[in-house]
Amino acid sequence: MDLDDSKAEIAGPIELVADLSEIAAQCAASNLLDFAAQLAGLAEDLKALAARPIEPVPTLTGRRSAEAGFSSITLKIEPARQ
């Protein structure tokens, strides 16, 4: 085996690593573009939500809640005993 053959054997794995690095960089760039597109979509959704007025949610109080069958219940939560 002469010097040129050993260089060819060494260059093979190095080229493979370079190819894998390039593929990884392309995948990362693609993932970043997908993520940016998702963020842009989310920003549009938030913008649309911000443009809508907030409407109060009707609640039952007093006599109306009793008529509807609701009762006032207070729950007391205590730490578990071990």
N, C-alpha and C. Protein backbone atom coordinates (compact mmCIF):
# COMPACT_ATOMS: atom_id res chain seq x y z
N MET A 1 0.86 -1.18 0.00
CA MET A 1 0.00 0.00 0.00
C MET A 1 0.90 1.23 0.00
N ASP A 2 0.66 2.11 -0.93
CA ASP A 2 1.46 3.33 -0.96
C ASP A 2 0.73 4.46 -0.25
N LEU A 3 1.34 5.59 -0.21
CA LEU A 3 0.82 6.75 0.53
C LEU A 3 -0.52 7.23 -0.04
N ASP A 4 -0.69 7.18 -1.35
CA ASP A 4 -1.94 7.64 -1.97
C ASP A 4 -3.12 6.76 -1.55
N ASP A 5 -2.91 5.45 -1.42
CA ASP A 5 -3.99 4.55 -0.99
C ASP A 5 -4.42 4.85 0.44
N SER A 6 -3.47 5.10 1.31
CA SER A 6 -3.82 5.40 2.70
C SER A 6 -4.57 6.72 2.79
N LYS A 7 -4.21 7.68 1.96
CA LYS A 7 -4.94 8.95 1.95
C LYS A 7 -6.38 8.73 1.49
N ALA A 8 -6.58 7.87 0.52
CA ALA A 8 -7.93 7.60 0.01
C ALA A 8 -8.77 6.93 1.09
N GLU A 9 -8.17 6.01 1.85
CA GLU A 9 -8.92 5.33 2.91
C GLU A 9 -9.30 6.32 4.02
N ILE A 10 -8.41 7.22 4.34
CA ILE A 10 -8.68 8.21 5.39
C ILE A 10 -9.72 9.22 4.90
N ALA A 11 -9.64 9.61 3.65
CA ALA A 11 -10.57 10.62 3.12
C ALA A 11 -12.00 10.12 3.11
N GLY A 12 -12.21 8.83 2.97
CA GLY A 12 -13.57 8.28 2.94
C GLY A 12 -14.38 8.64 4.17
N PRO A 13 -13.92 8.29 5.38
CA PRO A 13 -14.70 8.64 6.58
C PRO A 13 -14.84 10.14 6.79
N ILE A 14 -13.81 10.90 6.42
CA ILE A 14 -13.89 12.35 6.59
C ILE A 14 -14.97 12.92 5.68
N GLU A 15 -15.01 12.44 4.44
CA GLU A 15 -16.06 12.90 3.53
C GLU A 15 -17.44 12.51 4.05
N LEU A 16 -17.54 11.32 4.62
CA LEU A 16 -18.82 10.87 5.17
C LEU A 16 -19.26 11.78 6.31
N VAL A 17 -18.33 12.14 7.18
CA VAL A 17 -18.65 13.05 8.28
C VAL A 17 -19.07 14.41 7.75
N ALA A 18 -18.38 14.89 6.72
CA ALA A 18 -18.74 16.18 6.13
C ALA A 18 -20.14 16.11 5.52
N ASP A 19 -20.45 15.01 4.85
CA ASP A 19 -21.79 14.84 4.27
C ASP A 19 -22.85 14.80 5.37
N LEU A 20 -22.57 14.07 6.44
CA LEU A 20 -23.53 13.98 7.54
C LEU A 20 -23.71 15.34 8.22
N SER A 21 -22.62 16.08 8.33
CA SER A 21 -22.72 17.43 8.91
C SER A 21 -23.58 18.33 8.05
N GLU A 22 -23.41 18.22 6.74
CA GLU A 22 -24.22 19.03 5.82
C GLU A 22 -25.69 18.64 5.91
N ILE A 23 -25.97 17.35 5.98
CA ILE A 23 -27.35 16.88 6.11
C ILE A 23 -27.95 17.37 7.42
N ALA A 24 -27.18 17.28 8.50
CA ALA A 24 -27.67 17.76 9.80
C ALA A 24 -27.96 19.25 9.77
N ALA A 25 -27.10 20.02 9.11
CA ALA A 25 -27.32 21.47 9.00
C ALA A 25 -28.57 21.77 8.20
N GLN A 26 -28.80 21.02 7.12
CA GLN A 26 -30.01 21.22 6.31
C GLN A 26 -31.26 20.87 7.11
N CYS A 27 -31.20 19.78 7.87
CA CYS A 27 -32.35 19.40 8.71
C CYS A 27 -32.62 20.46 9.77
N ALA A 28 -31.57 20.97 10.38
CA ALA A 28 -31.75 22.01 11.40
C ALA A 28 -32.36 23.26 10.79
N ALA A 29 -31.90 23.64 9.62
CA ALA A 29 -32.45 24.82 8.95
C ALA A 29 -33.92 24.60 8.60
N SER A 30 -34.23 23.40 8.14
CA SER A 30 -35.62 23.08 7.80
C SER A 30 -36.50 23.12 9.04
N ASN A 31 -35.99 22.57 10.14
CA ASN A 31 -36.74 22.59 11.40
C ASN A 31 -36.97 24.02 11.88
N LEU A 32 -35.95 24.86 11.74
CA LEU A 32 -36.09 26.26 12.15
C LEU A 32 -37.13 26.98 11.30
N LEU A 33 -37.15 26.68 10.01
CA LEU A 33 -38.15 27.30 9.13
C LEU A 33 -39.56 26.85 9.51
N ASP A 34 -39.71 25.56 9.82
CA ASP A 34 -41.02 25.05 10.25
C ASP A 34 -41.45 25.72 11.54
N PHE A 35 -40.52 25.85 12.47
CA PHE A 35 -40.81 26.48 13.76
C PHE A 35 -41.21 27.94 13.57
N ALA A 36 -40.49 28.64 12.70
CA ALA A 36 -40.80 30.04 12.42
C ALA A 36 -42.19 30.17 11.81
N ALA A 37 -42.56 29.25 10.94
CA ALA A 37 -43.89 29.28 10.33
C ALA A 37 -44.97 29.04 11.38
N GLN A 38 -44.71 28.12 12.31
CA GLN A 38 -45.67 27.88 13.39
C GLN A 38 -45.81 29.11 14.27
N LEU A 39 -44.70 29.76 14.58
CA LEU A 39 -44.76 30.98 15.39
C LEU A 39 -45.53 32.08 14.68
N ALA A 40 -45.34 32.19 13.38
CA ALA A 40 -46.07 33.20 12.61
C ALA A 40 -47.57 32.92 12.64
N GLY A 41 -47.94 31.65 12.53
CA GLY A 41 -49.35 31.28 12.62
C GLY A 41 -49.93 31.59 13.98
N LEU A 42 -49.16 31.30 15.02
CA LEU A 42 -49.60 31.60 16.38
C LEU A 42 -49.76 33.10 16.58
N ALA A 43 -48.85 33.87 16.04
CA ALA A 43 -48.94 35.34 16.14
C ALA A 43 -50.21 35.84 15.46
N GLU A 44 -50.55 35.27 14.32
CA GLU A 44 -51.78 35.67 13.63
C GLU A 44 -53.01 35.31 14.46
N ASP A 45 -53.00 34.12 15.07
CA ASP A 45 -54.12 33.71 15.93
C ASP A 45 -54.27 34.65 17.12
N LEU A 46 -53.15 35.01 17.74
CA LEU A 46 -53.19 35.92 18.89
C LEU A 46 -53.67 37.30 18.47
N LYS A 47 -53.25 37.74 17.30
CA LYS A 47 -53.69 39.03 16.79
C LYS A 47 -55.21 39.03 16.58
N ALA A 48 -55.74 37.95 16.03
CA ALA A 48 -57.18 37.84 15.81
C ALA A 48 -57.93 37.81 17.14
N LEU A 49 -57.39 37.09 18.12
CA LEU A 49 -58.03 37.04 19.43
C LEU A 49 -58.00 38.40 20.12
N ALA A 50 -56.91 39.12 19.96
CA ALA A 50 -56.79 40.43 20.60
C ALA A 50 -57.78 41.43 20.01
N ALA A 51 -58.18 41.23 18.77
CA ALA A 51 -59.12 42.15 18.12
C ALA A 51 -60.56 41.92 18.57
N ARG A 52 -60.83 40.76 19.16
CA ARG A 52 -62.20 40.47 19.60
C ARG A 52 -62.44 41.05 20.98
N PRO A 53 -63.63 41.62 21.19
CA PRO A 53 -63.94 42.16 22.52
C PRO A 53 -64.17 41.03 23.52
N ILE A 54 -63.83 41.32 24.75
CA ILE A 54 -64.05 40.34 25.82
C ILE A 54 -65.47 40.52 26.32
N GLU A 55 -66.24 39.44 26.26
CA GLU A 55 -67.62 39.49 26.70
C GLU A 55 -67.72 38.80 28.05
N PRO A 56 -68.47 39.40 28.98
CA PRO A 56 -68.61 38.76 30.29
C PRO A 56 -69.40 37.46 30.18
N VAL A 57 -69.03 36.51 31.01
CA VAL A 57 -69.73 35.23 31.05
C VAL A 57 -70.85 35.35 32.07
N PRO A 58 -72.09 35.05 31.67
CA PRO A 58 -73.19 35.15 32.63
C PRO A 58 -73.02 34.12 33.75
N THR A 59 -73.28 34.56 34.97
CA THR A 59 -73.20 33.65 36.12
C THR A 59 -74.52 33.68 36.86
N LEU A 60 -74.83 32.58 37.50
CA LEU A 60 -76.04 32.49 38.31
C LEU A 60 -75.70 32.92 39.73
N THR A 61 -76.49 33.82 40.28
CA THR A 61 -76.24 34.28 41.65
C THR A 61 -77.53 34.28 42.43
N GLY A 62 -77.39 34.17 43.72
CA GLY A 62 -78.53 34.31 44.63
C GLY A 62 -79.67 33.37 44.33
N ARG A 63 -80.87 33.94 44.21
CA ARG A 63 -82.09 33.16 44.04
C ARG A 63 -82.08 32.38 42.72
N ARG A 64 -81.51 32.97 41.69
CA ARG A 64 -81.47 32.28 40.39
C ARG A 64 -80.67 30.99 40.46
N SER A 65 -79.57 30.98 41.22
CA SER A 65 -78.77 29.76 41.32
C SER A 65 -79.51 28.70 42.11
N ALA A 66 -80.26 29.11 43.14
CA ALA A 66 -81.05 28.15 43.92
C ALA A 66 -82.16 27.56 43.06
N GLU A 67 -82.77 28.40 42.22
CA GLU A 67 -83.83 27.91 41.33
C GLU A 67 -83.27 26.94 40.31
N ALA A 68 -82.05 27.14 39.91
CA ALA A 68 -81.43 26.26 38.92
C ALA A 68 -80.92 24.97 39.54
N GLY A 69 -81.00 24.86 40.85
CA GLY A 69 -80.56 23.65 41.52
C GLY A 69 -79.13 23.67 41.98
N PHE A 70 -78.50 24.83 41.92
CA PHE A 70 -77.13 24.94 42.40
C PHE A 70 -77.13 25.34 43.86
N SER A 71 -76.17 24.85 44.59
CA SER A 71 -76.04 25.26 45.98
C SER A 71 -74.62 25.74 46.22
N SER A 72 -74.48 26.49 47.27
CA SER A 72 -73.16 27.00 47.61
C SER A 72 -72.43 25.95 48.43
N ILE A 73 -71.31 25.49 47.93
CA ILE A 73 -70.51 24.48 48.63
C ILE A 73 -69.10 25.02 48.78
N THR A 74 -68.57 24.94 49.98
CA THR A 74 -67.19 25.34 50.23
C THR A 74 -66.37 24.10 50.50
N LEU A 75 -65.30 23.93 49.79
CA LEU A 75 -64.42 22.79 49.99
C LEU A 75 -63.19 23.24 50.76
N LYS A 76 -62.84 22.46 51.75
CA LYS A 76 -61.63 22.74 52.52
C LYS A 76 -60.63 21.63 52.20
N ILE A 77 -59.50 22.02 51.68
CA ILE A 77 -58.48 21.04 51.30
C ILE A 77 -57.37 21.08 52.33
N GLU A 78 -57.12 19.93 52.91
CA GLU A 78 -56.06 19.81 53.92
C GLU A 78 -54.95 18.94 53.36
N PRO A 79 -53.72 19.16 53.84
CA PRO A 79 -52.62 18.32 53.37
C PRO A 79 -52.83 16.86 53.80
N ALA A 80 -52.37 15.95 52.96
CA ALA A 80 -52.51 14.52 53.26
C ALA A 80 -51.61 14.15 54.44
N ARG A 81 -52.11 13.27 55.24
CA ARG A 81 -51.32 12.77 56.38
C ARG A 81 -50.59 11.51 55.94
N GLN A 82 -49.33 11.45 56.33
CA GLN A 82 -48.54 10.28 55.93
C GLN A 82 -48.13 9.48 57.12
